[in-house]
């Protein structure tokens, strides 16, 4: 599963980024 942890502009804050170990 391909996941975007942070978008280019830094604005996206999503659950996959915030809550997953890889995202953190």
PDBML (XML) file of the C-alpha atoms, coordinates in Angstrom:
<?xml version="1.0" encoding="UTF-8" ?>
<PDBx:datablock datablockName="MODEL"
   xmlns:PDBx="http://pdbml.pdb.org/schema/pdbx-v50.xsd"
   xmlns:xsi="http://www.w3.org/2001/XMLSchema-instance"
   xsi:schemaLocation="http://pdbml.pdb.org/schema/pdbx-v50.xsd pdbx-v50.xsd">
   <PDBx:atom_siteCategory>
      <PDBx:atom_site id="1">
         <PDBx:B_iso_or_equiv>0.00</PDBx:B_iso_or_equiv>
         <PDBx:Cartn_x>0.000</PDBx:Cartn_x>
         <PDBx:Cartn_y>0.000</PDBx:Cartn_y>
         <PDBx:Cartn_z>0.000</PDBx:Cartn_z>
         <PDBx:auth_asym_id>A</PDBx:auth_asym_id>
         <PDBx:auth_atom_id>CA</PDBx:auth_atom_id>
         <PDBx:auth_comp_id>UNK</PDBx:auth_comp_id>
         <PDBx:auth_seq_id>1</PDBx:auth_seq_id>
         <PDBx:group_PDB>ATOM</PDBx:group_PDB>
         <PDBx:label_alt_id xsi:nil="true" />
         <PDBx:label_asym_id>A</PDBx:label_asym_id>
         <PDBx:label_atom_id>CA</PDBx:label_atom_id>
         <PDBx:label_comp_id>UNK</PDBx:label_comp_id>
         <PDBx:label_entity_id>1</PDBx:label_entity_id>
         <PDBx:label_seq_id>1</PDBx:label_seq_id>
         <PDBx:occupancy>1.00</PDBx:occupancy>
         <PDBx:pdbx_PDB_model_num>1</PDBx:pdbx_PDB_model_num>
         <PDBx:type_symbol>C</PDBx:type_symbol>
      </PDBx:atom_site>
      <PDBx:atom_site id="2">
         <PDBx:B_iso_or_equiv>0.00</PDBx:B_iso_or_equiv>
         <PDBx:Cartn_x>1.493</PDBx:Cartn_x>
         <PDBx:Cartn_y>3.286</PDBx:Cartn_y>
         <PDBx:Cartn_z>-1.182</PDBx:Cartn_z>
         <PDBx:auth_asym_id>A</PDBx:auth_asym_id>
         <PDBx:auth_atom_id>CA</PDBx:auth_atom_id>
         <PDBx:auth_comp_id>UNK</PDBx:auth_comp_id>
         <PDBx:auth_seq_id>2</PDBx:auth_seq_id>
         <PDBx:group_PDB>ATOM</PDBx:group_PDB>
         <PDBx:label_alt_id xsi:nil="true" />
         <PDBx:label_asym_id>A</PDBx:label_asym_id>
         <PDBx:label_atom_id>CA</PDBx:label_atom_id>
         <PDBx:label_comp_id>UNK</PDBx:label_comp_id>
         <PDBx:label_entity_id>1</PDBx:label_entity_id>
         <PDBx:label_seq_id>2</PDBx:label_seq_id>
         <PDBx:occupancy>1.00</PDBx:occupancy>
         <PDBx:pdbx_PDB_model_num>1</PDBx:pdbx_PDB_model_num>
         <PDBx:type_symbol>C</PDBx:type_symbol>
      </PDBx:atom_site>
      <PDBx:atom_site id="3">
         <PDBx:B_iso_or_equiv>0.00</PDBx:B_iso_or_equiv>
         <PDBx:Cartn_x>0.913</PDBx:Cartn_x>
         <PDBx:Cartn_y>6.050</PDBx:Cartn_y>
         <PDBx:Cartn_z>1.399</PDBx:Cartn_z>
         <PDBx:auth_asym_id>A</PDBx:auth_asym_id>
         <PDBx:auth_atom_id>CA</PDBx:auth_atom_id>
         <PDBx:auth_comp_id>UNK</PDBx:auth_comp_id>
         <PDBx:auth_seq_id>3</PDBx:auth_seq_id>
         <PDBx:group_PDB>ATOM</PDBx:group_PDB>
         <PDBx:label_alt_id xsi:nil="true" />
         <PDBx:label_asym_id>A</PDBx:label_asym_id>
         <PDBx:label_atom_id>CA</PDBx:label_atom_id>
         <PDBx:label_comp_id>UNK</PDBx:label_comp_id>
         <PDBx:label_entity_id>1</PDBx:label_entity_id>
         <PDBx:label_seq_id>3</PDBx:label_seq_id>
         <PDBx:occupancy>1.00</PDBx:occupancy>
         <PDBx:pdbx_PDB_model_num>1</PDBx:pdbx_PDB_model_num>
         <PDBx:type_symbol>C</PDBx:type_symbol>
      </PDBx:atom_site>
      <PDBx:atom_site id="4">
         <PDBx:B_iso_or_equiv>0.00</PDBx:B_iso_or_equiv>
         <PDBx:Cartn_x>1.625</PDBx:Cartn_x>
         <PDBx:Cartn_y>9.802</PDBx:Cartn_y>
         <PDBx:Cartn_z>1.252</PDBx:Cartn_z>
         <PDBx:auth_asym_id>A</PDBx:auth_asym_id>
         <PDBx:auth_atom_id>CA</PDBx:auth_atom_id>
         <PDBx:auth_comp_id>UNK</PDBx:auth_comp_id>
         <PDBx:auth_seq_id>4</PDBx:auth_seq_id>
         <PDBx:group_PDB>ATOM</PDBx:group_PDB>
         <PDBx:label_alt_id xsi:nil="true" />
         <PDBx:label_asym_id>A</PDBx:label_asym_id>
         <PDBx:label_atom_id>CA</PDBx:label_atom_id>
         <PDBx:label_comp_id>UNK</PDBx:label_comp_id>
         <PDBx:label_entity_id>1</PDBx:label_entity_id>
         <PDBx:label_seq_id>4</PDBx:label_seq_id>
         <PDBx:occupancy>1.00</PDBx:occupancy>
         <PDBx:pdbx_PDB_model_num>1</PDBx:pdbx_PDB_model_num>
         <PDBx:type_symbol>C</PDBx:type_symbol>
      </PDBx:atom_site>
      <PDBx:atom_site id="5">
         <PDBx:B_iso_or_equiv>0.00</PDBx:B_iso_or_equiv>
         <PDBx:Cartn_x>2.819</PDBx:Cartn_x>
         <PDBx:Cartn_y>10.694</PDBx:Cartn_y>
         <PDBx:Cartn_z>4.742</PDBx:Cartn_z>
         <PDBx:auth_asym_id>A</PDBx:auth_asym_id>
         <PDBx:auth_atom_id>CA</PDBx:auth_atom_id>
         <PDBx:auth_comp_id>UNK</PDBx:auth_comp_id>
         <PDBx:auth_seq_id>5</PDBx:auth_seq_id>
         <PDBx:group_PDB>ATOM</PDBx:group_PDB>
         <PDBx:label_alt_id xsi:nil="true" />
         <PDBx:label_asym_id>A</PDBx:label_asym_id>
         <PDBx:label_atom_id>CA</PDBx:label_atom_id>
         <PDBx:label_comp_id>UNK</PDBx:label_comp_id>
         <PDBx:label_entity_id>1</PDBx:label_entity_id>
         <PDBx:label_seq_id>5</PDBx:label_seq_id>
         <PDBx:occupancy>1.00</PDBx:occupancy>
         <PDBx:pdbx_PDB_model_num>1</PDBx:pdbx_PDB_model_num>
         <PDBx:type_symbol>C</PDBx:type_symbol>
      </PDBx:atom_site>
      <PDBx:atom_site id="6">
         <PDBx:B_iso_or_equiv>0.00</PDBx:B_iso_or_equiv>
         <PDBx:Cartn_x>3.299</PDBx:Cartn_x>
         <PDBx:Cartn_y>14.370</PDBx:Cartn_y>
         <PDBx:Cartn_z>3.908</PDBx:Cartn_z>
         <PDBx:auth_asym_id>A</PDBx:auth_asym_id>
         <PDBx:auth_atom_id>CA</PDBx:auth_atom_id>
         <PDBx:auth_comp_id>UNK</PDBx:auth_comp_id>
         <PDBx:auth_seq_id>6</PDBx:auth_seq_id>
         <PDBx:group_PDB>ATOM</PDBx:group_PDB>
         <PDBx:label_alt_id xsi:nil="true" />
         <PDBx:label_asym_id>A</PDBx:label_asym_id>
         <PDBx:label_atom_id>CA</PDBx:label_atom_id>
         <PDBx:label_comp_id>UNK</PDBx:label_comp_id>
         <PDBx:label_entity_id>1</PDBx:label_entity_id>
         <PDBx:label_seq_id>6</PDBx:label_seq_id>
         <PDBx:occupancy>1.00</PDBx:occupancy>
         <PDBx:pdbx_PDB_model_num>1</PDBx:pdbx_PDB_model_num>
         <PDBx:type_symbol>C</PDBx:type_symbol>
      </PDBx:atom_site>
      <PDBx:atom_site id="7">
         <PDBx:B_iso_or_equiv>0.00</PDBx:B_iso_or_equiv>
         <PDBx:Cartn_x>2.294</PDBx:Cartn_x>
         <PDBx:Cartn_y>16.306</PDBx:Cartn_y>
         <PDBx:Cartn_z>0.826</PDBx:Cartn_z>
         <PDBx:auth_asym_id>A</PDBx:auth_asym_id>
         <PDBx:auth_atom_id>CA</PDBx:auth_atom_id>
         <PDBx:auth_comp_id>UNK</PDBx:auth_comp_id>
         <PDBx:auth_seq_id>7</PDBx:auth_seq_id>
         <PDBx:group_PDB>ATOM</PDBx:group_PDB>
         <PDBx:label_alt_id xsi:nil="true" />
         <PDBx:label_asym_id>A</PDBx:label_asym_id>
         <PDBx:label_atom_id>CA</PDBx:label_atom_id>
         <PDBx:label_comp_id>UNK</PDBx:label_comp_id>
         <PDBx:label_entity_id>1</PDBx:label_entity_id>
         <PDBx:label_seq_id>7</PDBx:label_seq_id>
         <PDBx:occupancy>1.00</PDBx:occupancy>
         <PDBx:pdbx_PDB_model_num>1</PDBx:pdbx_PDB_model_num>
         <PDBx:type_symbol>C</PDBx:type_symbol>
      </PDBx:atom_site>
      <PDBx:atom_site id="8">
         <PDBx:B_iso_or_equiv>0.00</PDBx:B_iso_or_equiv>
         <PDBx:Cartn_x>4.700</PDBx:Cartn_x>
         <PDBx:Cartn_y>18.613</PDBx:Cartn_y>
         <PDBx:Cartn_z>-1.005</PDBx:Cartn_z>
         <PDBx:auth_asym_id>A</PDBx:auth_asym_id>
         <PDBx:auth_atom_id>CA</PDBx:auth_atom_id>
         <PDBx:auth_comp_id>UNK</PDBx:auth_comp_id>
         <PDBx:auth_seq_id>8</PDBx:auth_seq_id>
         <PDBx:group_PDB>ATOM</PDBx:group_PDB>
         <PDBx:label_alt_id xsi:nil="true" />
         <PDBx:label_asym_id>A</PDBx:label_asym_id>
         <PDBx:label_atom_id>CA</PDBx:label_atom_id>
         <PDBx:label_comp_id>UNK</PDBx:label_comp_id>
         <PDBx:label_entity_id>1</PDBx:label_entity_id>
         <PDBx:label_seq_id>8</PDBx:label_seq_id>
         <PDBx:occupancy>1.00</PDBx:occupancy>
         <PDBx:pdbx_PDB_model_num>1</PDBx:pdbx_PDB_model_num>
         <PDBx:type_symbol>C</PDBx:type_symbol>
      </PDBx:atom_site>
      <PDBx:atom_site id="9">
         <PDBx:B_iso_or_equiv>0.00</PDBx:B_iso_or_equiv>
         <PDBx:Cartn_x>3.108</PDBx:Cartn_x>
         <PDBx:Cartn_y>21.703</PDBx:Cartn_y>
         <PDBx:Cartn_z>0.524</PDBx:Cartn_z>
         <PDBx:auth_asym_id>A</PDBx:auth_asym_id>
         <PDBx:auth_atom_id>CA</PDBx:auth_atom_id>
         <PDBx:auth_comp_id>UNK</PDBx:auth_comp_id>
         <PDBx:auth_seq_id>9</PDBx:auth_seq_id>
         <PDBx:group_PDB>ATOM</PDBx:group_PDB>
         <PDBx:label_alt_id xsi:nil="true" />
         <PDBx:label_asym_id>A</PDBx:label_asym_id>
         <PDBx:label_atom_id>CA</PDBx:label_atom_id>
         <PDBx:label_comp_id>UNK</PDBx:label_comp_id>
         <PDBx:label_entity_id>1</PDBx:label_entity_id>
         <PDBx:label_seq_id>9</PDBx:label_seq_id>
         <PDBx:occupancy>1.00</PDBx:occupancy>
         <PDBx:pdbx_PDB_model_num>1</PDBx:pdbx_PDB_model_num>
         <PDBx:type_symbol>C</PDBx:type_symbol>
      </PDBx:atom_site>
      <PDBx:atom_site id="10">
         <PDBx:B_iso_or_equiv>0.00</PDBx:B_iso_or_equiv>
         <PDBx:Cartn_x>3.142</PDBx:Cartn_x>
         <PDBx:Cartn_y>20.321</PDBx:Cartn_y>
         <PDBx:Cartn_z>4.067</PDBx:Cartn_z>
         <PDBx:auth_asym_id>A</PDBx:auth_asym_id>
         <PDBx:auth_atom_id>CA</PDBx:auth_atom_id>
         <PDBx:auth_comp_id>UNK</PDBx:auth_comp_id>
         <PDBx:auth_seq_id>10</PDBx:auth_seq_id>
         <PDBx:group_PDB>ATOM</PDBx:group_PDB>
         <PDBx:label_alt_id xsi:nil="true" />
         <PDBx:label_asym_id>A</PDBx:label_asym_id>
         <PDBx:label_atom_id>CA</PDBx:label_atom_id>
         <PDBx:label_comp_id>UNK</PDBx:label_comp_id>
         <PDBx:label_entity_id>1</PDBx:label_entity_id>
         <PDBx:label_seq_id>10</PDBx:label_seq_id>
         <PDBx:occupancy>1.00</PDBx:occupancy>
         <PDBx:pdbx_PDB_model_num>1</PDBx:pdbx_PDB_model_num>
         <PDBx:type_symbol>C</PDBx:type_symbol>
      </PDBx:atom_site>
      <PDBx:atom_site id="11">
         <PDBx:B_iso_or_equiv>0.00</PDBx:B_iso_or_equiv>
         <PDBx:Cartn_x>-0.560</PDBx:Cartn_x>
         <PDBx:Cartn_y>21.052</PDBx:Cartn_y>
         <PDBx:Cartn_z>4.595</PDBx:Cartn_z>
         <PDBx:auth_asym_id>A</PDBx:auth_asym_id>
         <PDBx:auth_atom_id>CA</PDBx:auth_atom_id>
         <PDBx:auth_comp_id>UNK</PDBx:auth_comp_id>
         <PDBx:auth_seq_id>11</PDBx:auth_seq_id>
         <PDBx:group_PDB>ATOM</PDBx:group_PDB>
         <PDBx:label_alt_id xsi:nil="true" />
         <PDBx:label_asym_id>A</PDBx:label_asym_id>
         <PDBx:label_atom_id>CA</PDBx:label_atom_id>
         <PDBx:label_comp_id>UNK</PDBx:label_comp_id>
         <PDBx:label_entity_id>1</PDBx:label_entity_id>
         <PDBx:label_seq_id>11</PDBx:label_seq_id>
         <PDBx:occupancy>1.00</PDBx:occupancy>
         <PDBx:pdbx_PDB_model_num>1</PDBx:pdbx_PDB_model_num>
         <PDBx:type_symbol>C</PDBx:type_symbol>
      </PDBx:atom_site>
      <PDBx:atom_site id="12">
         <PDBx:B_iso_or_equiv>0.00</PDBx:B_iso_or_equiv>
         <PDBx:Cartn_x>-1.919</PDBx:Cartn_x>
         <PDBx:Cartn_y>17.525</PDBx:Cartn_y>
         <PDBx:Cartn_z>4.634</PDBx:Cartn_z>
         <PDBx:auth_asym_id>A</PDBx:auth_asym_id>
         <PDBx:auth_atom_id>CA</PDBx:auth_atom_id>
         <PDBx:auth_comp_id>UNK</PDBx:auth_comp_id>
         <PDBx:auth_seq_id>12</PDBx:auth_seq_id>
         <PDBx:group_PDB>ATOM</PDBx:group_PDB>
         <PDBx:label_alt_id xsi:nil="true" />
         <PDBx:label_asym_id>A</PDBx:label_asym_id>
         <PDBx:label_atom_id>CA</PDBx:label_atom_id>
         <PDBx:label_comp_id>UNK</PDBx:label_comp_id>
         <PDBx:label_entity_id>1</PDBx:label_entity_id>
         <PDBx:label_seq_id>12</PDBx:label_seq_id>
         <PDBx:occupancy>1.00</PDBx:occupancy>
         <PDBx:pdbx_PDB_model_num>1</PDBx:pdbx_PDB_model_num>
         <PDBx:type_symbol>C</PDBx:type_symbol>
      </PDBx:atom_site>
      <PDBx:atom_site id="13">
         <PDBx:B_iso_or_equiv>0.00</PDBx:B_iso_or_equiv>
         <PDBx:Cartn_x>-2.364</PDBx:Cartn_x>
         <PDBx:Cartn_y>16.092</PDBx:Cartn_y>
         <PDBx:Cartn_z>8.089</PDBx:Cartn_z>
         <PDBx:auth_asym_id>A</PDBx:auth_asym_id>
         <PDBx:auth_atom_id>CA</PDBx:auth_atom_id>
         <PDBx:auth_comp_id>UNK</PDBx:auth_comp_id>
         <PDBx:auth_seq_id>13</PDBx:auth_seq_id>
         <PDBx:group_PDB>ATOM</PDBx:group_PDB>
         <PDBx:label_alt_id xsi:nil="true" />
         <PDBx:label_asym_id>A</PDBx:label_asym_id>
         <PDBx:label_atom_id>CA</PDBx:label_atom_id>
         <PDBx:label_comp_id>UNK</PDBx:label_comp_id>
         <PDBx:label_entity_id>1</PDBx:label_entity_id>
         <PDBx:label_seq_id>13</PDBx:label_seq_id>
         <PDBx:occupancy>1.00</PDBx:occupancy>
         <PDBx:pdbx_PDB_model_num>1</PDBx:pdbx_PDB_model_num>
         <PDBx:type_symbol>C</PDBx:type_symbol>
      </PDBx:atom_site>
      <PDBx:atom_site id="14">
         <PDBx:B_iso_or_equiv>0.00</PDBx:B_iso_or_equiv>
         <PDBx:Cartn_x>-4.117</PDBx:Cartn_x>
         <PDBx:Cartn_y>12.762</PDBx:Cartn_y>
         <PDBx:Cartn_z>7.745</PDBx:Cartn_z>
         <PDBx:auth_asym_id>A</PDBx:auth_asym_id>
         <PDBx:auth_atom_id>CA</PDBx:auth_atom_id>
         <PDBx:auth_comp_id>UNK</PDBx:auth_comp_id>
         <PDBx:auth_seq_id>14</PDBx:auth_seq_id>
         <PDBx:group_PDB>ATOM</PDBx:group_PDB>
         <PDBx:label_alt_id xsi:nil="true" />
         <PDBx:label_asym_id>A</PDBx:label_asym_id>
         <PDBx:label_atom_id>CA</PDBx:label_atom_id>
         <PDBx:label_comp_id>UNK</PDBx:label_comp_id>
         <PDBx:label_entity_id>1</PDBx:label_entity_id>
         <PDBx:label_seq_id>14</PDBx:label_seq_id>
         <PDBx:occupancy>1.00</PDBx:occupancy>
         <PDBx:pdbx_PDB_model_num>1</PDBx:pdbx_PDB_model_num>
         <PDBx:type_symbol>C</PDBx:type_symbol>
      </PDBx:atom_site>
      <PDBx:atom_site id="15">
         <PDBx:B_iso_or_equiv>0.00</PDBx:B_iso_or_equiv>
         <PDBx:Cartn_x>-4.654</PDBx:Cartn_x>
         <PDBx:Cartn_y>9.775</PDBx:Cartn_y>
         <PDBx:Cartn_z>10.000</PDBx:Cartn_z>
         <PDBx:auth_asym_id>A</PDBx:auth_asym_id>
         <PDBx:auth_atom_id>CA</PDBx:auth_atom_id>
         <PDBx:auth_comp_id>UNK</PDBx:auth_comp_id>
         <PDBx:auth_seq_id>15</PDBx:auth_seq_id>
         <PDBx:group_PDB>ATOM</PDBx:group_PDB>
         <PDBx:label_alt_id xsi:nil="true" />
         <PDBx:label_asym_id>A</PDBx:label_asym_id>
         <PDBx:label_atom_id>CA</PDBx:label_atom_id>
         <PDBx:label_comp_id>UNK</PDBx:label_comp_id>
         <PDBx:label_entity_id>1</PDBx:label_entity_id>
         <PDBx:label_seq_id>15</PDBx:label_seq_id>
         <PDBx:occupancy>1.00</PDBx:occupancy>
         <PDBx:pdbx_PDB_model_num>1</PDBx:pdbx_PDB_model_num>
         <PDBx:type_symbol>C</PDBx:type_symbol>
      </PDBx:atom_site>
      <PDBx:atom_site id="16">
         <PDBx:B_iso_or_equiv>0.00</PDBx:B_iso_or_equiv>
         <PDBx:Cartn_x>-2.181</PDBx:Cartn_x>
         <PDBx:Cartn_y>7.552</PDBx:Cartn_y>
         <PDBx:Cartn_z>8.150</PDBx:Cartn_z>
         <PDBx:auth_asym_id>A</PDBx:auth_asym_id>
         <PDBx:auth_atom_id>CA</PDBx:auth_atom_id>
         <PDBx:auth_comp_id>UNK</PDBx:auth_comp_id>
         <PDBx:auth_seq_id>16</PDBx:auth_seq_id>
         <PDBx:group_PDB>ATOM</PDBx:group_PDB>
         <PDBx:label_alt_id xsi:nil="true" />
         <PDBx:label_asym_id>A</PDBx:label_asym_id>
         <PDBx:label_atom_id>CA</PDBx:label_atom_id>
         <PDBx:label_comp_id>UNK</PDBx:label_comp_id>
         <PDBx:label_entity_id>1</PDBx:label_entity_id>
         <PDBx:label_seq_id>16</PDBx:label_seq_id>
         <PDBx:occupancy>1.00</PDBx:occupancy>
         <PDBx:pdbx_PDB_model_num>1</PDBx:pdbx_PDB_model_num>
         <PDBx:type_symbol>C</PDBx:type_symbol>
      </PDBx:atom_site>
      <PDBx:atom_site id="17">
         <PDBx:B_iso_or_equiv>0.00</PDBx:B_iso_or_equiv>
         <PDBx:Cartn_x>0.504</PDBx:Cartn_x>
         <PDBx:Cartn_y>10.130</PDBx:Cartn_y>
         <PDBx:Cartn_z>8.726</PDBx:Cartn_z>
         <PDBx:auth_asym_id>A</PDBx:auth_asym_id>
         <PDBx:auth_atom_id>CA</PDBx:auth_atom_id>
         <PDBx:auth_comp_id>UNK</PDBx:auth_comp_id>
         <PDBx:auth_seq_id>17</PDBx:auth_seq_id>
         <PDBx:group_PDB>ATOM</PDBx:group_PDB>
         <PDBx:label_alt_id xsi:nil="true" />
         <PDBx:label_asym_id>A</PDBx:label_asym_id>
         <PDBx:label_atom_id>CA</PDBx:label_atom_id>
         <PDBx:label_comp_id>UNK</PDBx:label_comp_id>
         <PDBx:label_entity_id>1</PDBx:label_entity_id>
         <PDBx:label_seq_id>17</PDBx:label_seq_id>
         <PDBx:occupancy>1.00</PDBx:occupancy>
         <PDBx:pdbx_PDB_model_num>1</PDBx:pdbx_PDB_model_num>
         <PDBx:type_symbol>C</PDBx:type_symbol>
      </PDBx:atom_site>
      <PDBx:atom_site id="18">
         <PDBx:B_iso_or_equiv>0.00</PDBx:B_iso_or_equiv>
         <PDBx:Cartn_x>-0.355</PDBx:Cartn_x>
         <PDBx:Cartn_y>11.102</PDBx:Cartn_y>
         <PDBx:Cartn_z>12.275</PDBx:Cartn_z>
         <PDBx:auth_asym_id>A</PDBx:auth_asym_id>
         <PDBx:auth_atom_id>CA</PDBx:auth_atom_id>
         <PDBx:auth_comp_id>UNK</PDBx:auth_comp_id>
         <PDBx:auth_seq_id>18</PDBx:auth_seq_id>
         <PDBx:group_PDB>ATOM</PDBx:group_PDB>
         <PDBx:label_alt_id xsi:nil="true" />
         <PDBx:label_asym_id>A</PDBx:label_asym_id>
         <PDBx:label_atom_id>CA</PDBx:label_atom_id>
         <PDBx:label_comp_id>UNK</PDBx:label_comp_id>
         <PDBx:label_entity_id>1</PDBx:label_entity_id>
         <PDBx:label_seq_id>18</PDBx:label_seq_id>
         <PDBx:occupancy>1.00</PDBx:occupancy>
         <PDBx:pdbx_PDB_model_num>1</PDBx:pdbx_PDB_model_num>
         <PDBx:type_symbol>C</PDBx:type_symbol>
      </PDBx:atom_site>
      <PDBx:atom_site id="19">
         <PDBx:B_iso_or_equiv>0.00</PDBx:B_iso_or_equiv>
         <PDBx:Cartn_x>-1.329</PDBx:Cartn_x>
         <PDBx:Cartn_y>7.752</PDBx:Cartn_y>
         <PDBx:Cartn_z>13.748</PDBx:Cartn_z>
         <PDBx:auth_asym_id>A</PDBx:auth_asym_id>
         <PDBx:auth_atom_id>CA</PDBx:auth_atom_id>
         <PDBx:auth_comp_id>UNK</PDBx:auth_comp_id>
         <PDBx:auth_seq_id>19</PDBx:auth_seq_id>
         <PDBx:group_PDB>ATOM</PDBx:group_PDB>
         <PDBx:label_alt_id xsi:nil="true" />
         <PDBx:label_asym_id>A</PDBx:label_asym_id>
         <PDBx:label_atom_id>CA</PDBx:label_atom_id>
         <PDBx:label_comp_id>UNK</PDBx:label_comp_id>
         <PDBx:label_entity_id>1</PDBx:label_entity_id>
         <PDBx:label_seq_id>19</PDBx:label_seq_id>
         <PDBx:occupancy>1.00</PDBx:occupancy>
         <PDBx:pdbx_PDB_model_num>1</PDBx:pdbx_PDB_model_num>
         <PDBx:type_symbol>C</PDBx:type_symbol>
      </PDBx:atom_site>
      <PDBx:atom_site id="20">
         <PDBx:B_iso_or_equiv>0.00</PDBx:B_iso_or_equiv>
         <PDBx:Cartn_x>0.873</PDBx:Cartn_x>
         <PDBx:Cartn_y>5.194</PDBx:Cartn_y>
         <PDBx:Cartn_z>12.000</PDBx:Cartn_z>
         <PDBx:auth_asym_id>A</PDBx:auth_asym_id>
         <PDBx:auth_atom_id>CA</PDBx:auth_atom_id>
         <PDBx:auth_comp_id>UNK</PDBx:auth_comp_id>
         <PDBx:auth_seq_id>20</PDBx:auth_seq_id>
         <PDBx:group_PDB>ATOM</PDBx:group_PDB>
         <PDBx:label_alt_id xsi:nil="true" />
         <PDBx:label_asym_id>A</PDBx:label_asym_id>
         <PDBx:label_atom_id>CA</PDBx:label_atom_id>
         <PDBx:label_comp_id>UNK</PDBx:label_comp_id>
         <PDBx:label_entity_id>1</PDBx:label_entity_id>
         <PDBx:label_seq_id>20</PDBx:label_seq_id>
         <PDBx:occupancy>1.00</PDBx:occupancy>
         <PDBx:pdbx_PDB_model_num>1</PDBx:pdbx_PDB_model_num>
         <PDBx:type_symbol>C</PDBx:type_symbol>
      </PDBx:atom_site>
      <PDBx:atom_site id="21">
         <PDBx:B_iso_or_equiv>0.00</PDBx:B_iso_or_equiv>
         <PDBx:Cartn_x>4.361</PDBx:Cartn_x>
         <PDBx:Cartn_y>4.346</PDBx:Cartn_y>
         <PDBx:Cartn_z>13.210</PDBx:Cartn_z>
         <PDBx:auth_asym_id>A</PDBx:auth_asym_id>
         <PDBx:auth_atom_id>CA</PDBx:auth_atom_id>
         <PDBx:auth_comp_id>UNK</PDBx:auth_comp_id>
         <PDBx:auth_seq_id>21</PDBx:auth_seq_id>
         <PDBx:group_PDB>ATOM</PDBx:group_PDB>
         <PDBx:label_alt_id xsi:nil="true" />
         <PDBx:label_asym_id>A</PDBx:label_asym_id>
         <PDBx:label_atom_id>CA</PDBx:label_atom_id>
         <PDBx:label_comp_id>UNK</PDBx:label_comp_id>
         <PDBx:label_entity_id>1</PDBx:label_entity_id>
         <PDBx:label_seq_id>21</PDBx:label_seq_id>
         <PDBx:occupancy>1.00</PDBx:occupancy>
         <PDBx:pdbx_PDB_model_num>1</PDBx:pdbx_PDB_model_num>
         <PDBx:type_symbol>C</PDBx:type_symbol>
      </PDBx:atom_site>
      <PDBx:atom_site id="22">
         <PDBx:B_iso_or_equiv>0.00</PDBx:B_iso_or_equiv>
         <PDBx:Cartn_x>5.810</PDBx:Cartn_x>
         <PDBx:Cartn_y>5.081</PDBx:Cartn_y>
         <PDBx:Cartn_z>9.753</PDBx:Cartn_z>
         <PDBx:auth_asym_id>A</PDBx:auth_asym_id>
         <PDBx:auth_atom_id>CA</PDBx:auth_atom_id>
         <PDBx:auth_comp_id>UNK</PDBx:auth_comp_id>
         <PDBx:auth_seq_id>22</PDBx:auth_seq_id>
         <PDBx:group_PDB>ATOM</PDBx:group_PDB>
         <PDBx:label_alt_id xsi:nil="true" />
         <PDBx:label_asym_id>A</PDBx:label_asym_id>
         <PDBx:label_atom_id>CA</PDBx:label_atom_id>
         <PDBx:label_comp_id>UNK</PDBx:label_comp_id>
         <PDBx:label_entity_id>1</PDBx:label_entity_id>
         <PDBx:label_seq_id>22</PDBx:label_seq_id>
         <PDBx:occupancy>1.00</PDBx:occupancy>
         <PDBx:pdbx_PDB_model_num>1</PDBx:pdbx_PDB_model_num>
         <PDBx:type_symbol>C</PDBx:type_symbol>
      </PDBx:atom_site>
      <PDBx:atom_site id="23">
         <PDBx:B_iso_or_equiv>0.00</PDBx:B_iso_or_equiv>
         <PDBx:Cartn_x>3.964</PDBx:Cartn_x>
         <PDBx:Cartn_y>8.406</PDBx:Cartn_y>
         <PDBx:Cartn_z>9.596</PDBx:Cartn_z>
         <PDBx:auth_asym_id>A</PDBx:auth_asym_id>
         <PDBx:auth_atom_id>CA</PDBx:auth_atom_id>
         <PDBx:auth_comp_id>UNK</PDBx:auth_comp_id>
         <PDBx:auth_seq_id>23</PDBx:auth_seq_id>
         <PDBx:group_PDB>ATOM</PDBx:group_PDB>
         <PDBx:label_alt_id xsi:nil="true" />
         <PDBx:label_asym_id>A</PDBx:label_asym_id>
         <PDBx:label_atom_id>CA</PDBx:label_atom_id>
         <PDBx:label_comp_id>UNK</PDBx:label_comp_id>
         <PDBx:label_entity_id>1</PDBx:label_entity_id>
         <PDBx:label_seq_id>23</PDBx:label_seq_id>
         <PDBx:occupancy>1.00</PDBx:occupancy>
         <PDBx:pdbx_PDB_model_num>1</PDBx:pdbx_PDB_model_num>
         <PDBx:type_symbol>C</PDBx:type_symbol>
      </PDBx:atom_site>
      <PDBx:atom_site id="24">
         <PDBx:B_iso_or_equiv>0.00</PDBx:B_iso_or_equiv>
         <PDBx:Cartn_x>5.183</PDBx:Cartn_x>
         <PDBx:Cartn_y>9.508</PDBx:Cartn_y>
         <PDBx:Cartn_z>13.012</PDBx:Cartn_z>
         <PDBx:auth_asym_id>A</PDBx:auth_asym_id>
         <PDBx:auth_atom_id>CA</PDBx:auth_atom_id>
         <PDBx:auth_comp_id>UNK</PDBx:auth_comp_id>
         <PDBx:auth_seq_id>24</PDBx:auth_seq_id>
         <PDBx:group_PDB>ATOM</PDBx:group_PDB>
         <PDBx:label_alt_id xsi:nil="true" />
         <PDBx:label_asym_id>A</PDBx:label_asym_id>
         <PDBx:label_atom_id>CA</PDBx:label_atom_id>
         <PDBx:label_comp_id>UNK</PDBx:label_comp_id>
         <PDBx:label_entity_id>1</PDBx:label_entity_id>
         <PDBx:label_seq_id>24</PDBx:label_seq_id>
         <PDBx:occupancy>1.00</PDBx:occupancy>
         <PDBx:pdbx_PDB_model_num>1</PDBx:pdbx_PDB_model_num>
         <PDBx:type_symbol>C</PDBx:type_symbol>
      </PDBx:atom_site>
   </PDBx:atom_siteCategory>
</PDBx:datablock>
